[in-house]
Amino acid sequence: MTSTASSTDTRQGQAPHEQRPSWQQRLRRFGYTAAPRSDVREQLVPPYVQPSPRMWQFLGLSRPLAERIARWSAWGGPLLVTLLAGVMRFWNLRNPKRVIFDETYYAKDAWALVHRGFEVNWDKNANDLILKVGDQVQIPTDASYVVHPPVGKYVIGLGELMFGFNPFGWRFMTALLGTLAVLMLCRIGRRIFRSTFLGCLAGTLMAVDGLAFVMARTSLLDGVLMFFVLAAFGCLVVDRDRARAKLAAALPVDADGRVRPDAHIAETLRLGWRPYRWLAGLMLGLAIGTKWNGLYFLVAFGLLTVLWDVGARRVAGAHHPYAAVLKHDVGLAFLATVPVAVVTYLVSWTGWILSPTDGSGGYYRDWASANGRSSSWSWLFPDWWLSLWHYEHQVYEFHVGLSSPHTYQSNPWSWIVAGRPVSYFYESPKPGKDGCPVDAGEKCAREVLALGTPLLWWVAAFAVLYILWRWLLRRDWRAGAIACGVAAGYLPWFLYQERTIFFFYAVVFLPFLCLAVA
């Protein structure tokens, strides 16, 4: 009889110094753990964490009542956190009754956009006049050169159309989106952690953060950008769950009721058009149409959703998951994100495109015709396209060359610890005016300071390191997703350290820091 000794037996016969640990054993020293072997359905779509029966017993609640509370908390908990955020953001929103910081650009640009379709040049004394007469102010006619796309300003303009050209009107939509962002974060956190408590914790952290609070109460573009980025991320998380559930439903079930992997199904199943992925493309287009750094999220999230598909097909039993994804998923993933985002971005310029080309329209709208750039290819590249391309090139040159010193500019190295907050507004009212007590012995001081909650940001600095460890050594997809959001919103700024940049840009990746801390 022929003996077939295993490699394990062979290693047992070796001297101790000749035995080499496997790569898994080596990485285990740093916390590596192998993927669990269980029902494939639970690996693809893990169940939500249920509260411990001991907790219900401690609270004296019956099982039926406890189950109803658990079901209610899925939406009830996030809505309570959102209510807290809404009260904080809308309370006394019209104060200060001033045009603060960059509201001097975006509030006026928004008013012009919703009435003219393009931004205009305002008189240097327009702010005082606007605060006096509001909607009755006359809109100038000459176009203004602006360096950000129109979506965020259209959003601000919606509030002005509803509530007038006043501080409450131009801050309403940023406050609303800042509140809804808290609701989205609660639900996103619940979905990725499979825990209502952790989702609500992440939302609460953002609800009470100082930077998120100030940005929601100021009509700047970065809060709008954060909303659309978070919405796109949420759509992709929902799409991930739905695609994996469809994959799990197609796999065979053993006699014991456990779903088992199947290589053929995992490599050939088509997951369809996936509407939430298309919705994510729309949100990313709106993000790019607010500020150009939304482009980084388009690239990062596009890669992320494809890698999620690779992981899903691998868990389902695919021997060649990358090939399967390349064949069945990459094409539709590209169509659902990149073209949709590009079309959304172009549509956002409709007001500018439809403006006159005789010099009375949007800035550079007449560039192609005035410079004789029309050609026989105009059916493919119309004059508005050529003019817009020239405009965007000029804006790009402005952005990469911006280096004018500013008192509150900061280096991105300091953002993660909130090292250089930005003062949006400061004044010293006399006693008896603007909230200063009559019996005050001297002038008072009030300030709007964009400062992140120090404890949250300092803890987040360490939480990011923990997230990287979880992603690289524990293969935790949740950590990878959070790291992706932080990286897309934070790392690109290190390429422009010589530029005039500010800490409040960090609000776009603040939701991912809250998820990391939670």
Protein backbone atom coordinates (compact mmCIF):
# COMPACT_ATOMS: atom_id res chain seq x y z
CA MET A 1 0.00 0.00 0.00
CA THR A 2 1.41 3.36 -1.03
CA SER A 3 1.77 5.96 1.68
CA THR A 4 0.72 9.54 0.91
CA ALA A 5 1.91 11.61 3.83
CA SER A 6 0.47 15.10 4.00
CA SER A 7 2.50 18.25 4.03
CA THR A 8 1.46 18.74 7.65
CA ASP A 9 3.04 15.40 8.57
CA THR A 10 6.16 16.41 6.71
CA ARG A 11 6.39 19.65 8.69
CA GLN A 12 5.92 17.72 11.93
CA GLY A 13 9.06 15.76 11.10
CA GLN A 14 11.10 18.92 10.64
CA ALA A 15 13.19 20.58 13.27
CA PRO A 16 11.48 23.50 15.04
CA HIS A 17 13.79 26.05 13.43
CA GLU A 18 12.90 24.68 9.95
CA GLN A 19 9.12 25.08 10.41
CA ARG A 20 7.78 28.28 8.84
CA PRO A 21 4.42 29.71 9.88
CA SER A 22 1.87 30.44 7.18
CA TRP A 23 1.14 34.06 6.20
CA GLN A 24 -2.14 33.89 8.12
CA GLN A 25 -0.26 32.87 11.27
CA ARG A 26 2.19 35.72 10.83
CA LEU A 27 -0.54 38.31 10.32
CA ARG A 28 -2.48 36.89 13.28
CA ARG A 29 0.13 38.51 15.52
CA PHE A 30 -1.21 41.88 14.32
CA GLY A 31 -4.86 40.96 14.79
CA TYR A 32 -5.63 39.22 11.49
CA THR A 33 -8.64 36.91 11.57
CA ALA A 34 -9.84 34.61 8.82
CA ALA A 35 -13.30 35.08 7.36
CA PRO A 36 -15.97 33.13 9.26
CA ARG A 37 -17.43 29.98 7.74
CA SER A 38 -21.20 30.10 8.12
CA ASP A 39 -24.42 30.35 6.16
CA VAL A 40 -23.60 32.25 2.97
CA ARG A 41 -26.85 34.22 3.28
CA GLU A 42 -25.70 35.64 6.61
CA GLN A 43 -22.32 36.52 5.11
CA LEU A 44 -23.90 38.29 2.17
CA VAL A 45 -26.67 40.05 4.11
CA PRO A 46 -25.95 39.90 7.87
CA PRO A 47 -29.00 40.21 10.15
CA TYR A 48 -29.53 43.31 12.25
CA VAL A 49 -28.36 43.17 15.85
CA GLN A 50 -31.27 42.65 18.26
CA PRO A 51 -31.25 44.00 21.82
CA SER A 52 -30.42 41.48 24.51
CA PRO A 53 -33.42 39.85 26.26
CA ARG A 54 -31.72 40.68 29.55
CA MET A 55 -32.04 44.37 28.77
CA TRP A 56 -35.79 44.04 28.23
CA GLN A 57 -36.08 42.08 31.47
CA PHE A 58 -34.11 44.77 33.27
CA LEU A 59 -36.50 47.42 31.92
CA GLY A 60 -39.51 45.29 32.86
CA LEU A 61 -40.89 45.08 29.31
CA SER A 62 -42.80 42.13 27.92
CA ARG A 63 -41.47 40.38 24.82
CA PRO A 64 -44.25 41.63 22.45
CA LEU A 65 -43.77 45.21 23.63
CA ALA A 66 -40.00 44.89 23.37
CA GLU A 67 -40.29 43.66 19.79
CA ARG A 68 -42.54 46.60 18.88
CA ILE A 69 -40.07 49.04 20.42
CA ALA A 70 -37.21 47.41 18.51
CA ARG A 71 -39.13 47.78 15.23
CA TRP A 72 -40.08 51.36 16.05
CA SER A 73 -36.52 52.31 16.92
CA ALA A 74 -35.32 51.56 13.37
CA TRP A 75 -36.91 54.85 12.30
CA GLY A 76 -37.90 56.32 15.65
CA GLY A 77 -34.34 56.55 16.93
CA PRO A 78 -32.97 58.34 13.84
CA LEU A 79 -35.99 60.67 13.78
CA LEU A 80 -35.43 61.69 17.40
CA VAL A 81 -31.78 62.46 16.66
CA THR A 82 -32.88 64.40 13.58
CA LEU A 83 -35.36 66.38 15.68
CA LEU A 84 -32.51 67.38 17.98
CA ALA A 85 -30.39 68.41 14.99
CA GLY A 86 -33.26 70.36 13.45
CA VAL A 87 -33.98 72.35 16.61
CA MET A 88 -30.30 73.24 16.90
CA ARG A 89 -30.02 74.30 13.27
CA PHE A 90 -33.27 76.24 12.84
CA TRP A 91 -33.50 77.94 16.23
CA ASN A 92 -33.04 81.70 15.70
CA LEU A 93 -31.63 81.01 12.23
CA ARG A 94 -32.07 84.60 11.04
CA ASN A 95 -29.40 85.76 13.49
CA PRO A 96 -26.94 87.27 13.05
CA LYS A 97 -28.87 89.62 10.79
CA ARG A 98 -25.81 90.20 8.70
CA VAL A 99 -24.19 88.90 5.55
CA ILE A 100 -21.45 86.81 7.13
CA PHE A 101 -18.24 85.47 5.59
CA ASP A 102 -18.72 84.03 2.07
CA GLU A 103 -22.49 84.54 2.20
CA THR A 104 -21.56 87.79 0.47
CA TYR A 105 -20.91 85.68 -2.65
CA TYR A 106 -23.27 82.74 -2.51
CA ALA A 107 -26.43 84.40 -1.18
CA LYS A 108 -26.31 87.06 -3.91
CA ASP A 109 -25.25 84.60 -6.62
CA ALA A 110 -28.16 82.37 -5.64
CA TRP A 111 -30.66 85.22 -5.92
CA ALA A 112 -29.35 86.13 -9.37
CA LEU A 113 -29.35 82.51 -10.55
CA VAL A 114 -32.97 81.81 -9.68
CA HIS A 115 -34.05 85.05 -11.38
CA ARG A 116 -31.61 85.48 -14.27
CA GLY A 117 -30.06 82.05 -14.81
CA PHE A 118 -26.52 83.32 -14.27
CA GLU A 119 -24.50 85.21 -11.67
CA VAL A 120 -24.11 89.00 -11.84
CA ASN A 121 -21.80 91.70 -10.49
CA TRP A 122 -23.22 93.37 -7.39
CA ASP A 123 -22.33 96.81 -6.10
CA LYS A 124 -19.87 96.83 -3.21
CA ASN A 125 -22.55 98.34 -0.95
CA ALA A 126 -25.19 95.80 -1.97
CA ASN A 127 -25.12 93.90 1.34
CA ASP A 128 -26.46 96.84 3.36
CA LEU A 129 -29.12 97.54 0.75
CA ILE A 130 -30.22 93.89 0.67
CA LEU A 131 -30.62 93.82 4.46
CA LYS A 132 -32.82 96.93 4.22
CA VAL A 133 -35.08 96.21 1.24
CA GLY A 134 -34.66 92.45 0.68
CA ASP A 135 -36.65 91.22 -2.33
CA GLN A 136 -37.05 94.76 -3.67
CA VAL A 137 -33.37 95.12 -4.47
CA GLN A 138 -32.63 95.63 -8.15
CA ILE A 139 -30.59 92.84 -9.73
CA PRO A 140 -27.64 94.09 -11.83
CA THR A 141 -27.42 93.15 -15.49
CA ASP A 142 -23.71 92.56 -16.12
CA ALA A 143 -22.47 88.98 -15.67
CA SER A 144 -20.01 88.00 -12.98
CA TYR A 145 -17.01 85.68 -13.19
CA VAL A 146 -17.56 82.91 -10.61
CA VAL A 147 -15.37 79.93 -9.78
CA HIS A 148 -17.89 77.34 -8.57
CA PRO A 149 -20.63 75.51 -10.51
CA PRO A 150 -24.27 76.52 -9.96
CA VAL A 151 -25.95 73.59 -8.14
CA GLY A 152 -25.17 74.68 -4.59
CA LYS A 153 -26.28 78.23 -5.35
CA TYR A 154 -29.52 76.99 -6.89
CA VAL A 155 -30.14 75.07 -3.66
CA ILE A 156 -29.58 78.22 -1.60
CA GLY A 157 -31.82 80.11 -4.03
CA LEU A 158 -34.73 77.75 -3.34
CA GLY A 159 -34.79 78.98 0.24
CA GLU A 160 -34.67 82.58 -0.96
CA LEU A 161 -37.62 81.98 -3.29
CA MET A 162 -39.65 80.51 -0.42
CA PHE A 163 -38.74 82.93 2.39
CA GLY A 164 -37.34 85.99 0.69
CA PHE A 165 -33.97 87.61 0.11
CA ASN A 166 -33.02 87.80 3.79
CA PRO A 167 -30.74 85.90 6.21
CA PHE A 168 -33.40 83.29 7.03
CA GLY A 169 -34.14 82.75 3.35
CA TRP A 170 -30.57 82.21 2.25
CA ARG A 171 -29.78 79.98 5.24
CA PHE A 172 -32.92 77.86 5.14
CA MET A 173 -31.82 75.23 2.64
CA THR A 174 -28.39 74.69 4.17
CA ALA A 175 -30.08 74.23 7.56
CA LEU A 176 -32.58 71.79 6.03
CA LEU A 177 -29.89 69.76 4.24
CA GLY A 178 -27.72 69.81 7.36
CA THR A 179 -30.64 68.36 9.33
CA LEU A 180 -31.47 65.73 6.71
CA ALA A 181 -27.80 64.75 6.57
CA VAL A 182 -28.06 63.73 10.23
CA LEU A 183 -31.06 61.52 9.41
CA MET A 184 -29.20 59.94 6.50
CA LEU A 185 -26.14 59.29 8.64
CA CYS A 186 -28.24 57.56 11.31
CA ARG A 187 -29.80 55.29 8.72
CA ILE A 188 -26.53 54.66 6.87
CA GLY A 189 -24.76 53.84 10.12
CA ARG A 190 -27.59 51.49 11.09
CA ARG A 191 -27.32 49.70 7.76
CA ILE A 192 -23.55 49.22 7.68
CA PHE A 193 -23.17 48.40 11.39
CA ARG A 194 -26.44 46.42 11.53
CA SER A 195 -27.11 48.31 14.76
CA THR A 196 -29.68 51.04 15.38
CA PHE A 197 -27.73 52.22 18.41
CA LEU A 198 -24.45 52.69 16.52
CA GLY A 199 -26.25 54.40 13.65
CA CYS A 200 -27.92 56.84 16.02
CA LEU A 201 -24.62 57.38 17.81
CA ALA A 202 -22.94 58.41 14.55
CA GLY A 203 -25.82 60.76 13.76
CA THR A 204 -25.75 62.28 17.23
CA LEU A 205 -22.03 62.95 16.95
CA MET A 206 -22.62 64.96 13.78
CA ALA A 207 -25.73 66.64 15.17
CA VAL A 208 -23.75 68.20 18.02
CA ASP A 209 -20.48 68.84 16.20
CA GLY A 210 -19.53 72.50 16.07
CA LEU A 211 -18.38 72.55 12.44
CA ALA A 212 -21.49 70.76 11.16
CA PHE A 213 -23.65 73.10 13.25
CA VAL A 214 -22.06 76.30 11.90
CA MET A 215 -21.99 75.09 8.29
CA ALA A 216 -25.70 74.21 8.44
CA ARG A 217 -26.52 77.72 9.68
CA THR A 218 -24.47 79.50 7.02
CA SER A 219 -25.20 79.67 3.30
CA LEU A 220 -21.93 78.22 2.07
CA LEU A 221 -21.49 75.52 -0.57
CA ASP A 222 -19.56 72.96 1.46
CA GLY A 223 -22.55 71.88 3.54
CA VAL A 224 -24.52 71.29 0.34
CA LEU A 225 -21.60 69.31 -1.08
CA MET A 226 -21.48 67.17 2.07
CA PHE A 227 -25.19 66.38 1.75
CA PHE A 228 -24.94 65.15 -1.84
CA VAL A 229 -21.78 63.12 -1.12
CA LEU A 230 -23.43 61.45 1.87
CA ALA A 231 -26.58 60.80 -0.17
CA ALA A 232 -24.51 59.13 -2.90
CA PHE A 233 -22.75 56.97 -0.31
CA GLY A 234 -26.07 55.98 1.22
CA CYS A 235 -27.47 54.99 -2.18
CA LEU A 236 -24.46 52.78 -2.83
CA VAL A 237 -24.80 51.12 0.59
CA VAL A 238 -28.46 50.33 -0.14
CA ASP A 239 -27.47 49.07 -3.59
CA ARG A 240 -24.87 46.82 -1.99
CA ASP A 241 -27.44 45.20 0.29
CA ARG A 242 -29.99 44.75 -2.49
CA ALA A 243 -27.46 43.21 -4.89
CA ARG A 244 -26.15 40.82 -2.26
CA ALA A 245 -29.70 39.83 -1.27
CA LYS A 246 -30.46 39.01 -4.91
CA LEU A 247 -27.28 36.96 -5.12
CA ALA A 248 -28.13 35.10 -1.90
CA ALA A 249 -31.66 34.35 -3.15
CA ALA A 250 -30.24 32.69 -6.27
CA LEU A 251 -27.88 30.33 -4.41
CA PRO A 252 -28.86 26.72 -3.61
CA VAL A 253 -30.16 25.70 -0.20
CA ASP A 254 -29.09 22.46 1.50
CA ALA A 255 -31.41 20.04 3.25
CA ASP A 256 -30.53 21.69 6.55
CA GLY A 257 -31.78 25.04 5.22
CA ARG A 258 -28.37 26.64 4.91
CA VAL A 259 -27.47 28.59 1.77
CA ARG A 260 -24.34 27.22 0.14
CA PRO A 261 -21.94 28.82 -2.36
CA ASP A 262 -22.21 27.95 -6.01
CA ALA A 263 -19.43 28.94 -8.41
CA HIS A 264 -21.57 28.85 -11.55
CA ILE A 265 -24.31 31.06 -10.14
CA ALA A 266 -21.81 33.43 -8.53
CA GLU A 267 -19.97 33.95 -11.81
CA THR A 268 -22.93 34.13 -14.21
CA LEU A 269 -25.81 35.80 -12.34
CA ARG A 270 -26.75 39.22 -13.69
CA LEU A 271 -27.74 41.68 -10.99
CA GLY A 272 -29.80 43.96 -13.23
CA TRP A 273 -29.85 47.73 -13.64
CA ARG A 274 -29.72 48.50 -9.92
CA PRO A 275 -31.64 51.81 -9.60
CA TYR A 276 -29.90 52.94 -6.40
CA ARG A 277 -26.58 52.94 -8.24
CA TRP A 278 -28.08 55.25 -10.88
CA LEU A 279 -29.43 57.46 -8.11
CA ALA A 280 -25.93 57.57 -6.64
CA GLY A 281 -24.66 58.77 -10.02
CA LEU A 282 -27.25 61.57 -9.92
CA MET A 283 -26.16 62.58 -6.42
CA LEU A 284 -22.50 62.58 -7.45
CA GLY A 285 -23.35 64.77 -10.43
CA LEU A 286 -25.05 67.23 -8.08
CA ALA A 287 -22.01 67.09 -5.80
CA ILE A 288 -19.66 67.93 -8.68
CA GLY A 289 -22.10 70.64 -9.75
CA THR A 290 -21.71 72.17 -6.29
CA LYS A 291 -17.92 72.07 -6.03
CA TRP A 292 -15.40 70.32 -8.21
CA ASN A 293 -13.90 68.26 -5.41
CA GLY A 294 -16.97 66.06 -5.79
CA LEU A 295 -14.97 64.50 -8.64
CA TYR A 296 -12.77 62.70 -6.14
CA PHE A 297 -15.82 61.03 -4.63
CA LEU A 298 -17.00 59.96 -8.08
CA VAL A 299 -13.73 58.11 -8.63
CA ALA A 300 -13.50 56.71 -5.09
CA PHE A 301 -17.11 55.57 -4.84
CA GLY A 302 -17.03 54.13 -8.35
CA LEU A 303 -14.10 51.89 -7.41
CA LEU A 304 -15.69 51.09 -4.06
CA THR A 305 -18.96 49.80 -5.49
CA VAL A 306 -17.12 47.60 -8.01
CA LEU A 307 -14.94 46.11 -5.26
CA TRP A 308 -18.09 45.42 -3.25
CA ASP A 309 -19.36 43.39 -6.19
CA VAL A 310 -16.09 41.45 -6.28
CA GLY A 311 -16.46 40.63 -2.60
CA ALA A 312 -20.08 39.57 -3.02
CA ARG A 313 -19.34 37.19 -5.88
CA ARG A 314 -16.36 35.76 -4.02
CA VAL A 315 -18.49 35.03 -0.94
CA ALA A 316 -21.12 33.45 -3.20
CA GLY A 317 -18.50 30.99 -4.42
CA ALA A 318 -16.98 32.53 -7.57
CA HIS A 319 -13.56 31.13 -8.41
CA HIS A 320 -12.77 34.15 -10.58
CA PRO A 321 -14.72 37.04 -9.02
CA TYR A 322 -12.78 39.80 -10.79
CA ALA A 323 -13.44 38.28 -14.20
CA ALA A 324 -17.12 37.85 -13.33
CA VAL A 325 -17.43 41.46 -12.20
CA LEU A 326 -15.57 42.69 -15.27
CA LYS A 327 -18.00 40.77 -17.47
CA HIS A 328 -21.30 41.48 -15.73
CA ASP A 329 -20.97 44.53 -13.46
CA VAL A 330 -18.28 47.02 -14.48
CA GLY A 331 -20.02 48.25 -17.63
CA LEU A 332 -23.33 49.01 -15.93
CA ALA A 333 -21.52 50.46 -12.92
CA PHE A 334 -19.72 52.89 -15.22
CA LEU A 335 -22.91 53.84 -17.06
CA ALA A 336 -24.78 54.40 -13.81
CA THR A 337 -22.17 56.73 -12.35
CA VAL A 338 -19.90 58.55 -14.81
CA PRO A 339 -22.28 59.42 -17.71
CA VAL A 340 -25.12 60.17 -15.29
CA ALA A 341 -22.88 62.47 -13.26
CA VAL A 342 -21.60 64.24 -16.38
CA VAL A 343 -25.10 64.79 -17.79
CA THR A 344 -26.33 66.03 -14.40
CA TYR A 345 -23.44 68.47 -14.24
CA LEU A 346 -24.14 69.83 -17.73
CA VAL A 347 -27.87 70.16 -17.05
CA SER A 348 -27.07 72.29 -14.00
CA TRP A 349 -25.64 74.90 -16.40
CA THR A 350 -28.95 75.21 -18.30
CA GLY A 351 -29.58 78.78 -17.13
CA TRP A 352 -26.16 79.88 -18.36
CA ILE A 353 -26.50 77.90 -21.63
CA LEU A 354 -29.89 79.47 -22.44
CA SER A 355 -28.73 83.00 -21.65
CA PRO A 356 -28.17 85.42 -24.58
CA THR A 357 -24.97 85.25 -26.62
CA ASP A 358 -24.94 88.96 -27.49
CA GLY A 359 -22.88 89.91 -24.44
CA SER A 360 -25.85 90.31 -22.10
CA GLY A 361 -25.85 86.67 -20.98
CA GLY A 362 -23.69 84.67 -18.63
CA TYR A 363 -19.99 85.30 -18.24
CA TYR A 364 -18.06 83.93 -21.27
CA ARG A 365 -21.36 82.78 -22.81
CA ASP A 366 -20.47 84.62 -26.02
CA TRP A 367 -16.82 83.52 -26.05
CA ALA A 368 -17.09 81.03 -28.92
CA SER A 369 -19.01 83.33 -31.26
CA ALA A 370 -16.99 86.43 -30.34
CA ASN A 371 -13.72 84.63 -31.02
CA GLY A 372 -14.80 82.91 -34.20
CA ARG A 373 -14.57 79.43 -32.73
CA SER A 374 -17.65 78.04 -34.52
CA SER A 375 -16.90 75.30 -37.05
CA SER A 376 -18.48 72.71 -39.33
CA TRP A 377 -18.47 70.44 -36.29
CA SER A 378 -20.92 72.68 -34.46
CA TRP A 379 -23.51 69.90 -34.46
CA LEU A 380 -21.14 67.95 -32.21
CA PHE A 381 -19.55 70.86 -30.34
CA PRO A 382 -22.07 73.73 -30.26
CA ASP A 383 -20.97 77.20 -29.27
CA TRP A 384 -22.24 76.79 -25.71
CA TRP A 385 -20.05 73.71 -25.30
CA LEU A 386 -16.95 75.54 -26.57
CA SER A 387 -17.71 78.57 -24.41
CA LEU A 388 -18.33 76.44 -21.33
CA TRP A 389 -15.12 74.49 -21.93
CA HIS A 390 -13.16 77.75 -22.11
CA TYR A 391 -14.89 79.04 -18.98
CA GLU A 392 -14.10 75.86 -17.04
CA HIS A 393 -10.47 75.96 -18.16
CA GLN A 394 -10.16 79.51 -16.84
CA VAL A 395 -11.73 78.44 -13.55
CA TYR A 396 -9.27 75.54 -13.27
CA GLU A 397 -6.35 77.93 -13.80
CA PHE A 398 -7.75 80.13 -11.05
CA HIS A 399 -8.11 77.29 -8.58
CA VAL A 400 -4.62 75.84 -9.04
CA GLY A 401 -3.05 79.29 -8.85
CA LEU A 402 -4.96 80.65 -5.84
CA SER A 403 -2.39 81.62 -3.22
CA SER A 404 -3.56 84.94 -1.77
CA PRO A 405 -2.78 84.89 1.98
CA HIS A 406 -5.74 84.83 4.37
CA THR A 407 -5.85 85.19 8.13
CA TYR A 408 -7.74 81.93 8.61
CA GLN A 409 -6.18 79.74 5.93
CA SER A 410 -4.73 76.45 7.17
CA ASN A 411 -2.75 73.43 6.10
CA PRO A 412 -4.70 70.16 5.75
CA TRP A 413 -2.31 68.51 8.21
CA SER A 414 -4.03 70.49 10.96
CA TRP A 415 -7.62 69.75 9.92
CA ILE A 416 -7.91 66.34 11.55
CA VAL A 417 -7.35 67.96 14.96
CA ALA A 418 -9.30 71.15 14.16
CA GLY A 419 -6.09 73.12 14.43
CA ARG A 420 -7.19 76.35 12.74
CA PRO A 421 -10.89 77.25 13.02
CA VAL A 422 -12.38 79.97 10.83
CA SER A 423 -14.13 83.07 12.14
CA TYR A 424 -17.19 83.83 10.01
CA PHE A 425 -18.45 86.81 11.97
CA TYR A 426 -17.34 88.98 14.89
CA GLU A 427 -18.65 92.16 16.43
CA SER A 428 -18.55 94.04 19.73
CA PRO A 429 -22.03 95.43 20.41
CA LYS A 430 -22.49 98.21 22.92
CA PRO A 431 -24.53 97.65 26.10
CA GLY A 432 -28.24 97.44 25.29
CA LYS A 433 -27.74 96.49 21.64
CA ASP A 434 -27.71 93.17 19.77
CA GLY A 435 -28.13 91.08 22.90
CA CYS A 436 -25.57 92.87 25.03
CA PRO A 437 -27.07 93.46 28.54
CA VAL A 438 -27.91 97.06 29.37
CA ASP A 439 -25.99 96.86 32.64
CA ALA A 440 -22.83 95.51 30.99
CA GLY A 441 -19.84 97.51 32.10
CA GLU A 442 -18.21 97.42 28.68
CA LYS A 443 -18.78 96.22 25.15
CA CYS A 444 -19.79 92.60 24.63
CA ALA A 445 -18.43 90.25 21.98
CA ARG A 446 -20.17 87.72 19.78
CA GLU A 447 -18.66 85.51 17.12
CA VAL A 448 -19.56 82.78 14.65
CA LEU A 449 -16.58 80.41 14.73
CA ALA A 450 -16.36 77.33 12.51
CA LEU A 451 -14.73 75.08 15.09
CA GLY A 452 -15.25 71.34 15.19
CA THR A 453 -16.03 69.83 18.59
CA PRO A 454 -12.47 69.22 19.85
CA LEU A 455 -13.16 65.93 21.63
CA LEU A 456 -14.85 64.46 18.55
CA TRP A 457 -12.09 65.48 16.16
CA TRP A 458 -9.24 64.40 18.44
CA VAL A 459 -10.85 61.01 19.01
CA ALA A 460 -11.52 60.77 15.27
CA ALA A 461 -7.80 61.17 14.58
CA PHE A 462 -7.18 57.91 16.45
CA ALA A 463 -10.36 56.32 15.11
CA VAL A 464 -9.06 56.70 11.56
CA LEU A 465 -5.97 54.68 12.50
CA TYR A 466 -8.22 52.02 14.01
CA ILE A 467 -10.32 51.98 10.85
CA LEU A 468 -7.21 51.41 8.73
CA TRP A 469 -6.20 48.52 11.00
CA ARG A 470 -9.67 46.99 10.76
CA TRP A 471 -9.65 47.31 6.99
CA LEU A 472 -6.14 46.04 6.27
CA LEU A 473 -5.84 43.26 8.85
CA ARG A 474 -9.43 42.31 9.69
CA ARG A 475 -10.74 42.68 6.15
CA ASP A 476 -13.71 44.65 7.46
CA TRP A 477 -15.63 46.13 4.51
CA ARG A 478 -17.23 48.72 6.77
CA ALA A 479 -13.83 50.07 7.73
CA GLY A 480 -12.84 50.15 4.06
CA ALA A 481 -15.97 52.10 3.14
CA ILE A 482 -15.38 54.66 5.89
CA ALA A 483 -11.71 54.97 4.95
CA CYS A 484 -12.73 55.53 1.33
CA GLY A 485 -14.97 58.46 2.29
CA VAL A 486 -12.31 60.05 4.48
CA ALA A 487 -9.62 59.58 1.84
CA ALA A 488 -11.70 61.05 -1.00
CA GLY A 489 -12.60 64.13 1.03
CA TYR A 490 -9.28 64.69 2.78
CA LEU A 491 -6.22 63.39 0.92
CA PRO A 492 -6.61 65.42 -2.32
CA TRP A 493 -6.07 68.65 -0.38
CA PHE A 494 -2.50 67.61 0.36
CA LEU A 495 -1.79 68.17 -3.34
CA TYR A 496 -2.66 71.85 -2.91
CA GLN A 497 -0.97 72.76 0.35
CA GLU A 498 0.42 75.96 -1.18
CA ARG A 499 -3.11 77.14 -2.00
CA THR A 500 -5.37 79.30 0.15
CA ILE A 501 -7.54 76.61 1.76
CA PHE A 502 -9.61 76.44 4.94
CA PHE A 503 -10.55 74.03 7.70
CA PHE A 504 -14.27 74.18 6.91
CA TYR A 505 -13.61 72.21 3.71
CA ALA A 506 -13.32 69.22 6.05
CA VAL A 507 -17.08 69.18 6.64
CA VAL A 508 -17.45 67.02 3.52
CA PHE A 509 -15.77 64.03 5.20
CA LEU A 510 -17.08 64.76 8.71
CA PRO A 511 -19.88 62.11 8.41
CA PHE A 512 -17.25 59.45 7.79
CA LEU A 513 -15.28 60.57 10.85
CA CYS A 514 -18.47 60.20 12.90
CA LEU A 515 -18.91 56.67 11.54
CA ALA A 516 -15.29 55.92 12.42
CA VAL A 517 -15.78 57.08 16.01
CA ALA A 518 -19.07 55.17 16.34
